[in-house]
Amino acid sequence: MFAERDNAYAVTGGTGAYKGVGGELSVFDLAGGDTLLVFDLVR
């Protein structure tokens, strides 16, 4: 379960391509008990 507050998540990969990126996380409950996480990243 996710809280409705600001959280920080690391975007990793080693290339530095996402350094300084921010964005928004949208959480959707799907049928069958699955959850879809959508990260919209912006510079």
PDB file of N, CA and C in Angstrom:
ATOM      1  N   MET A   1       0.848  -1.184   0.000  1.00  0.00           N
ATOM      2  CA  MET A   1       0.000   0.000   0.000  1.00  0.00           C
ATOM      3  C   MET A   1       0.890   1.242   0.000  1.00  0.00           C
ATOM      4  N   PHE A   2       0.534   2.221  -0.802  1.00  0.00           N
ATOM      5  CA  PHE A   2       1.291   3.450  -0.900  1.00  0.00           C
ATOM      6  C   PHE A   2       0.590   4.563  -0.126  1.00  0.00           C
ATOM      7  N   ALA A   3       1.380   5.396   0.516  1.00  0.00           N
ATOM      8  CA  ALA A   3       0.835   6.542   1.252  1.00  0.00           C
ATOM      9  C   ALA A   3       0.673   7.725   0.304  1.00  0.00           C
ATOM     10  N   GLU A   4      -0.262   8.587   0.596  1.00  0.00           N
ATOM     11  CA  GLU A   4      -0.471   9.790  -0.221  1.00  0.00           C
ATOM     12  C   GLU A   4       0.404  10.905   0.313  1.00  0.00           C
ATOM     13  N   ARG A   5       1.729  10.752   0.145  1.00  0.00           N
ATOM     14  CA  ARG A   5       2.695  11.772   0.580  1.00  0.00           C
ATOM     15  C   ARG A   5       3.881  11.684  -0.364  1.00  0.00           C
ATOM     16  N   ASP A   6       4.768  12.660  -0.277  1.00  0.00           N
ATOM     17  CA  ASP A   6       5.950  12.659  -1.121  1.00  0.00           C
ATOM     18  C   ASP A   6       6.888  11.528  -0.726  1.00  0.00           C
ATOM     19  N   ASN A   7       7.365  10.796  -1.705  1.00  0.00           N
ATOM     20  CA  ASN A   7       8.351   9.741  -1.515  1.00  0.00           C
ATOM     21  C   ASN A   7       9.455   9.937  -2.541  1.00  0.00           C
ATOM     22  N   ALA A   8      10.607   9.339  -2.305  1.00  0.00           N
ATOM     23  CA  ALA A   8      11.713   9.387  -3.255  1.00  0.00           C
ATOM     24  C   ALA A   8      12.050   7.973  -3.680  1.00  0.00           C
ATOM     25  N   TYR A   9      12.229   7.778  -4.988  1.00  0.00           N
ATOM     26  CA  TYR A   9      12.607   6.491  -5.549  1.00  0.00           C
ATOM     27  C   TYR A   9      13.831   6.704  -6.426  1.00  0.00           C
ATOM     28  N   ALA A  10      14.788   5.817  -6.323  1.00  0.00           N
ATOM     29  CA  ALA A  10      16.004   5.927  -7.126  1.00  0.00           C
ATOM     30  C   ALA A  10      15.776   5.363  -8.522  1.00  0.00           C
ATOM     31  N   VAL A  11      16.268   6.092  -9.524  1.00  0.00           N
ATOM     32  CA  VAL A  11      16.303   5.595 -10.893  1.00  0.00           C
ATOM     33  C   VAL A  11      17.759   5.256 -11.147  1.00  0.00           C
ATOM     34  N   THR A  12      18.057   3.973 -11.334  1.00  0.00           N
ATOM     35  CA  THR A  12      19.447   3.539 -11.460  1.00  0.00           C
ATOM     36  C   THR A  12      19.726   2.953 -12.826  1.00  0.00           C
ATOM     37  N   GLY A  13      20.971   2.851 -13.172  1.00  0.00           N
ATOM     38  CA  GLY A  13      21.347   2.267 -14.443  1.00  0.00           C
ATOM     39  C   GLY A  13      22.824   2.446 -14.740  1.00  0.00           C
ATOM     40  N   GLY A  14      23.471   3.360 -14.021  1.00  0.00           N
ATOM     41  CA  GLY A  14      24.905   3.525 -14.158  1.00  0.00           C
ATOM     42  C   GLY A  14      25.370   4.475 -15.242  1.00  0.00           C
ATOM     43  N   THR A  15      24.483   4.937 -16.134  1.00  0.00           N
ATOM     44  CA  THR A  15      24.914   5.819 -17.221  1.00  0.00           C
ATOM     45  C   THR A  15      24.800   7.296 -16.865  1.00  0.00           C
ATOM     46  N   GLY A  16      24.045   7.620 -15.828  1.00  0.00           N
ATOM     47  CA  GLY A  16      23.823   9.017 -15.475  1.00  0.00           C
ATOM     48  C   GLY A  16      22.757   9.687 -16.310  1.00  0.00           C
ATOM     49  N   ALA A  17      22.099   8.954 -17.190  1.00  0.00           N
ATOM     50  CA  ALA A  17      21.100   9.528 -18.094  1.00  0.00           C
ATOM     51  C   ALA A  17      19.905  10.125 -17.361  1.00  0.00           C
ATOM     52  N   TYR A  18      19.623   9.636 -16.164  1.00  0.00           N
ATOM     53  CA  TYR A  18      18.453  10.115 -15.423  1.00  0.00           C
ATOM     54  C   TYR A  18      18.829  10.999 -14.242  1.00  0.00           C
ATOM     55  N   LYS A  19      20.064  11.473 -14.180  1.00  0.00           N
ATOM     56  CA  LYS A  19      20.503  12.331 -13.086  1.00  0.00           C
ATOM     57  C   LYS A  19      19.684  13.624 -13.077  1.00  0.00           C
ATOM     58  N   GLY A  20      19.154  13.972 -11.917  1.00  0.00           N
ATOM     59  CA  GLY A  20      18.381  15.196 -11.781  1.00  0.00           C
ATOM     60  C   GLY A  20      16.940  15.106 -12.239  1.00  0.00           C
ATOM     61  N   VAL A  21      16.465  13.921 -12.561  1.00  0.00           N
ATOM     62  CA  VAL A  21      15.095  13.748 -13.046  1.00  0.00           C
ATOM     63  C   VAL A  21      14.119  13.762 -11.871  1.00  0.00           C
ATOM     64  N   GLY A  22      12.966  14.346 -12.074  1.00  0.00           N
ATOM     65  CA  GLY A  22      11.866  14.311 -11.118  1.00  0.00           C
ATOM     66  C   GLY A  22      10.666  13.736 -11.820  1.00  0.00           C
ATOM     67  N   GLY A  23       9.552  13.728 -11.138  1.00  0.00           N
ATOM     68  CA  GLY A  23       8.367  13.238 -11.812  1.00  0.00           C
ATOM     69  C   GLY A  23       7.256  12.867 -10.870  1.00  0.00           C
ATOM     70  N   GLU A  24       6.368  12.021 -11.375  1.00  0.00           N
ATOM     71  CA  GLU A  24       5.171  11.652 -10.640  1.00  0.00           C
ATOM     72  C   GLU A  24       4.914  10.163 -10.792  1.00  0.00           C
ATOM     73  N   LEU A  25       4.445   9.554  -9.725  1.00  0.00           N
ATOM     74  CA  LEU A  25       4.081   8.141  -9.723  1.00  0.00           C
ATOM     75  C   LEU A  25       2.567   8.034  -9.623  1.00  0.00           C
ATOM     76  N   SER A  26       1.964   7.281 -10.556  1.00  0.00           N
ATOM     77  CA  SER A  26       0.533   6.988 -10.501  1.00  0.00           C
ATOM     78  C   SER A  26       0.370   5.499 -10.219  1.00  0.00           C
ATOM     79  N   VAL A  27      -0.520   5.166  -9.287  1.00  0.00           N
ATOM     80  CA  VAL A  27      -0.745   3.778  -8.889  1.00  0.00           C
ATOM     81  C   VAL A  27      -2.174   3.394  -9.252  1.00  0.00           C
ATOM     82  N   PHE A  28      -2.312   2.252  -9.968  1.00  0.00           N
ATOM     83  CA  PHE A  28      -3.619   1.779 -10.398  1.00  0.00           C
ATOM     84  C   PHE A  28      -3.828   0.348  -9.914  1.00  0.00           C
ATOM     85  N   ASP A  29      -4.961   0.096  -9.271  1.00  0.00           N
ATOM     86  CA  ASP A  29      -5.335  -1.263  -8.869  1.00  0.00           C
ATOM     87  C   ASP A  29      -5.989  -1.948 -10.062  1.00  0.00           C
ATOM     88  N   LEU A  30      -5.469  -3.119 -10.430  1.00  0.00           N
ATOM     89  CA  LEU A  30      -5.991  -3.869 -11.567  1.00  0.00           C
ATOM     90  C   LEU A  30      -6.810  -5.062 -11.090  1.00  0.00           C
ATOM     91  N   ALA A  31      -7.599  -5.595 -11.987  1.00  0.00           N
ATOM     92  CA  ALA A  31      -8.387  -6.786 -11.675  1.00  0.00           C
ATOM     93  C   ALA A  31      -7.457  -7.927 -11.271  1.00  0.00           C
ATOM     94  N   GLY A  32      -7.907  -8.771 -10.377  1.00  0.00           N
ATOM     95  CA  GLY A  32      -7.114  -9.913  -9.950  1.00  0.00           C
ATOM     96  C   GLY A  32      -6.114  -9.599  -8.863  1.00  0.00           C
ATOM     97  N   GLY A  33      -6.149  -8.379  -8.327  1.00  0.00           N
ATOM     98  CA  GLY A  33      -5.253  -8.015  -7.235  1.00  0.00           C
ATOM     99  C   GLY A  33      -3.904  -7.466  -7.658  1.00  0.00           C
ATOM    100  N   ASP A  34      -3.664  -7.298  -8.964  1.00  0.00           N
ATOM    101  CA  ASP A  34      -2.402  -6.729  -9.434  1.00  0.00           C
ATOM    102  C   ASP A  34      -2.419  -5.212  -9.293  1.00  0.00           C
ATOM    103  N   THR A  35      -1.227  -4.616  -9.298  1.00  0.00           N
ATOM    104  CA  THR A  35      -1.085  -3.171  -9.227  1.00  0.00           C
ATOM    105  C   THR A  35      -0.182  -2.710 -10.350  1.00  0.00           C
ATOM    106  N   LEU A  36      -0.578  -1.633 -11.050  1.00  0.00           N
ATOM    107  CA  LEU A  36       0.211  -1.040 -12.118  1.00  0.00           C
ATOM    108  C   LEU A  36       0.831   0.248 -11.589  1.00  0.00           C
ATOM    109  N   LEU A  37       2.161   0.371 -11.709  1.00  0.00           N
ATOM    110  CA  LEU A  37       2.875   1.584 -11.320  1.00  0.00           C
ATOM    111  C   LEU A  37       3.328   2.285 -12.588  1.00  0.00           C
ATOM    112  N   VAL A  38       2.964   3.580 -12.749  1.00  0.00           N
ATOM    113  CA  VAL A  38       3.343   4.359 -13.914  1.00  0.00           C
ATOM    114  C   VAL A  38       4.185   5.538 -13.436  1.00  0.00           C
ATOM    115  N   PHE A  39       5.458   5.575 -13.857  1.00  0.00           N
ATOM    116  CA  PHE A  39       6.369   6.663 -13.498  1.00  0.00           C
ATOM    117  C   PHE A  39       6.473   7.617 -14.671  1.00  0.00           C
ATOM    118  N   ASP A  40       6.042   8.867 -14.504  1.00  0.00           N
ATOM    119  CA  ASP A  40       6.206   9.912 -15.508  1.00  0.00           C
ATOM    120  C   ASP A  40       7.405  10.750 -15.092  1.00  0.00           C
ATOM    121  N   LEU A  41       8.504  10.648 -15.839  1.00  0.00           N
ATOM    122  CA  LEU A  41       9.745  11.329 -15.496  1.00  0.00           C
ATOM    123  C   LEU A  41       9.905  12.594 -16.331  1.00  0.00           C
ATOM    124  N   VAL A  42      10.344  13.680 -15.688  1.00  0.00           N
ATOM    125  CA  VAL A  42      10.574  14.958 -16.378  1.00  0.00           C
ATOM    126  C   VAL A  42      11.878  15.573 -15.881  1.00  0.00           C
ATOM    127  N   ARG A  43      12.483  16.374 -16.711  1.00  0.00           N
ATOM    128  CA  ARG A  43      13.705  17.095 -16.336  1.00  0.00           C
ATOM    129  C   ARG A  43      13.350  18.507 -15.973  1.00  0.00           C
TER     130      ARG A  43
END
